[in-house]
């Protein structure tokens, strides 16, 4: 599967799975190695670096930015072989963030 085709289907699935989310394509020319997609959902976010397969090479700085952004919120490399695992982890991350909010009392 071509990486572009995978990402197109992924964006559609993200919008179905996380209703109301915004999926933004980030410019790799702005910051070398920044993940491809930023997913804004309610009051949290995730960054995803799409690859055509688990064996696809990583470009310079991609590992750094995925790790750094994962420490901030949620970030991961995503490809057809791990898509469900990553989307499930992303969903758990979003739910944990919502559960951690303190309601005004």
C-alpha atoms as a PDB file:
ATOM      1  CA  UNK A   1       0.000   0.000   0.000  1.00  0.00           C
ATOM      2  CA  UNK A   2       1.260   3.453  -0.842  1.00  0.00           C
ATOM      3  CA  UNK A   3       1.848   5.754   2.125  1.00  0.00           C
ATOM      4  CA  UNK A   4      -0.391   8.474   0.667  1.00  0.00           C
ATOM      5  CA  UNK A   5      -3.291   6.036   0.188  1.00  0.00           C
ATOM      6  CA  UNK A   6      -2.870   4.774   3.756  1.00  0.00           C
ATOM      7  CA  UNK A   7      -2.901   8.323   5.155  1.00  0.00           C
ATOM      8  CA  UNK A   8      -6.019   9.254   3.169  1.00  0.00           C
ATOM      9  CA  UNK A   9      -7.907   6.303   4.629  1.00  0.00           C
ATOM     10  CA  UNK A  10      -6.470   7.034   8.066  1.00  0.00           C
ATOM     11  CA  UNK A  11      -7.768  10.613   8.067  1.00  0.00           C
ATOM     12  CA  UNK A  12     -11.242   9.367   7.173  1.00  0.00           C
ATOM     13  CA  UNK A  13     -11.122   6.763   9.939  1.00  0.00           C
ATOM     14  CA  UNK A  14      -9.900   9.322  12.502  1.00  0.00           C
ATOM     15  CA  UNK A  15     -12.834  11.605  11.709  1.00  0.00           C
ATOM     16  CA  UNK A  16     -15.273   8.700  12.073  1.00  0.00           C
ATOM     17  CA  UNK A  17     -13.736   7.364  15.261  1.00  0.00           C
ATOM     18  CA  UNK A  18     -13.321  10.756  16.950  1.00  0.00           C
ATOM     19  CA  UNK A  19     -16.372  12.795  15.884  1.00  0.00           C
ATOM     20  CA  UNK A  20     -15.732  16.517  15.797  1.00  0.00           C
ATOM     21  CA  UNK A  21     -11.961  16.146  15.701  1.00  0.00           C
ATOM     22  CA  UNK A  22      -9.800  18.280  13.460  1.00  0.00           C
ATOM     23  CA  UNK A  23      -7.059  16.542  11.461  1.00  0.00           C
ATOM     24  CA  UNK A  24      -4.335  18.903  10.313  1.00  0.00           C
ATOM     25  CA  UNK A  25      -1.577  17.970   7.873  1.00  0.00           C
ATOM     26  CA  UNK A  26       1.674  19.410   9.204  1.00  0.00           C
ATOM     27  CA  UNK A  27       4.325  20.838   6.869  1.00  0.00           C
ATOM     28  CA  UNK A  28       7.507  18.727   7.001  1.00  0.00           C
ATOM     29  CA  UNK A  29       9.407  21.630   5.434  1.00  0.00           C
ATOM     30  CA  UNK A  30       8.615  23.821   8.443  1.00  0.00           C
ATOM     31  CA  UNK A  31      10.307  21.530  10.983  1.00  0.00           C
ATOM     32  CA  UNK A  32      12.267  18.555   9.647  1.00  0.00           C
ATOM     33  CA  UNK A  33      10.984  15.343  11.204  1.00  0.00           C
ATOM     34  CA  UNK A  34       7.708  16.710  12.609  1.00  0.00           C
ATOM     35  CA  UNK A  35       4.888  14.115  12.395  1.00  0.00           C
ATOM     36  CA  UNK A  36       2.501  14.180   9.427  1.00  0.00           C
ATOM     37  CA  UNK A  37      -0.795  14.643  11.224  1.00  0.00           C
ATOM     38  CA  UNK A  38      -2.023  16.615  14.212  1.00  0.00           C
ATOM     39  CA  UNK A  39      -5.357  15.423  15.602  1.00  0.00           C
ATOM     40  CA  UNK A  40      -7.178  17.946  17.790  1.00  0.00           C
ATOM     41  CA  UNK A  41      -9.947  16.332  19.822  1.00  0.00           C
ATOM     42  CA  UNK A  42     -11.909  18.215  22.457  1.00  0.00           C
ATOM     43  CA  UNK A  43      -9.229  19.574  24.794  1.00  0.00           C
ATOM     44  CA  UNK A  44      -6.352  17.278  23.849  1.00  0.00           C
ATOM     45  CA  UNK A  45      -4.298  16.284  20.824  1.00  0.00           C
ATOM     46  CA  UNK A  46      -2.250  13.554  19.178  1.00  0.00           C
ATOM     47  CA  UNK A  47       0.476  13.587  16.546  1.00  0.00           C
ATOM     48  CA  UNK A  48       0.798  10.719  14.072  1.00  0.00           C
ATOM     49  CA  UNK A  49       3.621   9.903  11.685  1.00  0.00           C
ATOM     50  CA  UNK A  50       2.215   7.700   8.945  1.00  0.00           C
ATOM     51  CA  UNK A  51       4.326   5.048   7.249  1.00  0.00           C
ATOM     52  CA  UNK A  52       3.426   2.629   4.478  1.00  0.00           C
ATOM     53  CA  UNK A  53       4.697  -0.345   6.509  1.00  0.00           C
ATOM     54  CA  UNK A  54       6.428  -1.313   9.730  1.00  0.00           C
ATOM     55  CA  UNK A  55       9.672  -1.664   7.763  1.00  0.00           C
ATOM     56  CA  UNK A  56       9.567   1.824   6.208  1.00  0.00           C
ATOM     57  CA  UNK A  57      12.579   3.958   7.038  1.00  0.00           C
ATOM     58  CA  UNK A  58      12.410   6.927   9.382  1.00  0.00           C
ATOM     59  CA  UNK A  59      13.684  10.300   8.233  1.00  0.00           C
ATOM     60  CA  UNK A  60      16.073  12.407  10.294  1.00  0.00           C
ATOM     61  CA  UNK A  61      14.534  13.750  13.519  1.00  0.00           C
ATOM     62  CA  UNK A  62      11.272  11.760  13.219  1.00  0.00           C
ATOM     63  CA  UNK A  63      12.101   9.503  16.160  1.00  0.00           C
ATOM     64  CA  UNK A  64      13.014  12.547  18.252  1.00  0.00           C
ATOM     65  CA  UNK A  65       9.775  14.433  17.522  1.00  0.00           C
ATOM     66  CA  UNK A  66       7.500  11.416  17.988  1.00  0.00           C
ATOM     67  CA  UNK A  67       9.137  10.700  21.353  1.00  0.00           C
ATOM     68  CA  UNK A  68       9.095  14.364  22.438  1.00  0.00           C
ATOM     69  CA  UNK A  69       5.477  14.910  21.438  1.00  0.00           C
ATOM     70  CA  UNK A  70       4.477  11.621  23.081  1.00  0.00           C
ATOM     71  CA  UNK A  71       5.810  12.987  26.359  1.00  0.00           C
ATOM     72  CA  UNK A  72       3.643  16.094  25.869  1.00  0.00           C
ATOM     73  CA  UNK A  73       0.390  14.340  24.947  1.00  0.00           C
ATOM     74  CA  UNK A  74       0.254  11.423  22.490  1.00  0.00           C
ATOM     75  CA  UNK A  75       2.373  10.669  19.425  1.00  0.00           C
ATOM     76  CA  UNK A  76       3.201   7.516  17.511  1.00  0.00           C
ATOM     77  CA  UNK A  77       4.346   6.017  14.253  1.00  0.00           C
ATOM     78  CA  UNK A  78       1.316   4.453  12.580  1.00  0.00           C
ATOM     79  CA  UNK A  79       1.215   1.997   9.679  1.00  0.00           C
ATOM     80  CA  UNK A  80      -1.222  -0.662   8.464  1.00  0.00           C
ATOM     81  CA  UNK A  81       0.248  -3.375  10.694  1.00  0.00           C
ATOM     82  CA  UNK A  82      -0.248  -1.399  13.954  1.00  0.00           C
ATOM     83  CA  UNK A  83      -3.133   0.904  13.052  1.00  0.00           C
ATOM     84  CA  UNK A  84      -5.732  -0.617  15.391  1.00  0.00           C
ATOM     85  CA  UNK A  85      -3.266  -0.824  18.278  1.00  0.00           C
ATOM     86  CA  UNK A  86      -2.283   2.848  17.877  1.00  0.00           C
ATOM     87  CA  UNK A  87      -5.866   4.086  17.443  1.00  0.00           C
ATOM     88  CA  UNK A  88      -6.924   2.149  20.547  1.00  0.00           C
ATOM     89  CA  UNK A  89      -4.009   3.637  22.527  1.00  0.00           C
ATOM     90  CA  UNK A  90      -4.907   7.091  21.231  1.00  0.00           C
ATOM     91  CA  UNK A  91      -8.515   6.596  22.325  1.00  0.00           C
ATOM     92  CA  UNK A  92      -7.369   5.535  25.809  1.00  0.00           C
ATOM     93  CA  UNK A  93      -5.115   8.592  25.970  1.00  0.00           C
ATOM     94  CA  UNK A  94      -8.000  10.895  25.042  1.00  0.00           C
ATOM     95  CA  UNK A  95     -10.266   9.222  27.626  1.00  0.00           C
ATOM     96  CA  UNK A  96      -7.612   9.478  30.355  1.00  0.00           C
ATOM     97  CA  UNK A  97      -7.174  13.155  29.606  1.00  0.00           C
ATOM     98  CA  UNK A  98     -10.908  13.758  29.936  1.00  0.00           C
ATOM     99  CA  UNK A  99     -11.062  11.758  33.178  1.00  0.00           C
ATOM    100  CA  UNK A 100      -8.206  13.807  34.642  1.00  0.00           C
ATOM    101  CA  UNK A 101     -10.096  17.081  34.229  1.00  0.00           C
ATOM    102  CA  UNK A 102     -11.373  18.571  37.457  1.00  0.00           C
ATOM    103  CA  UNK A 103     -14.976  19.697  37.312  1.00  0.00           C
ATOM    104  CA  UNK A 104     -15.857  23.082  38.741  1.00  0.00           C
ATOM    105  CA  UNK A 105     -17.612  22.536  42.054  1.00  0.00           C
END
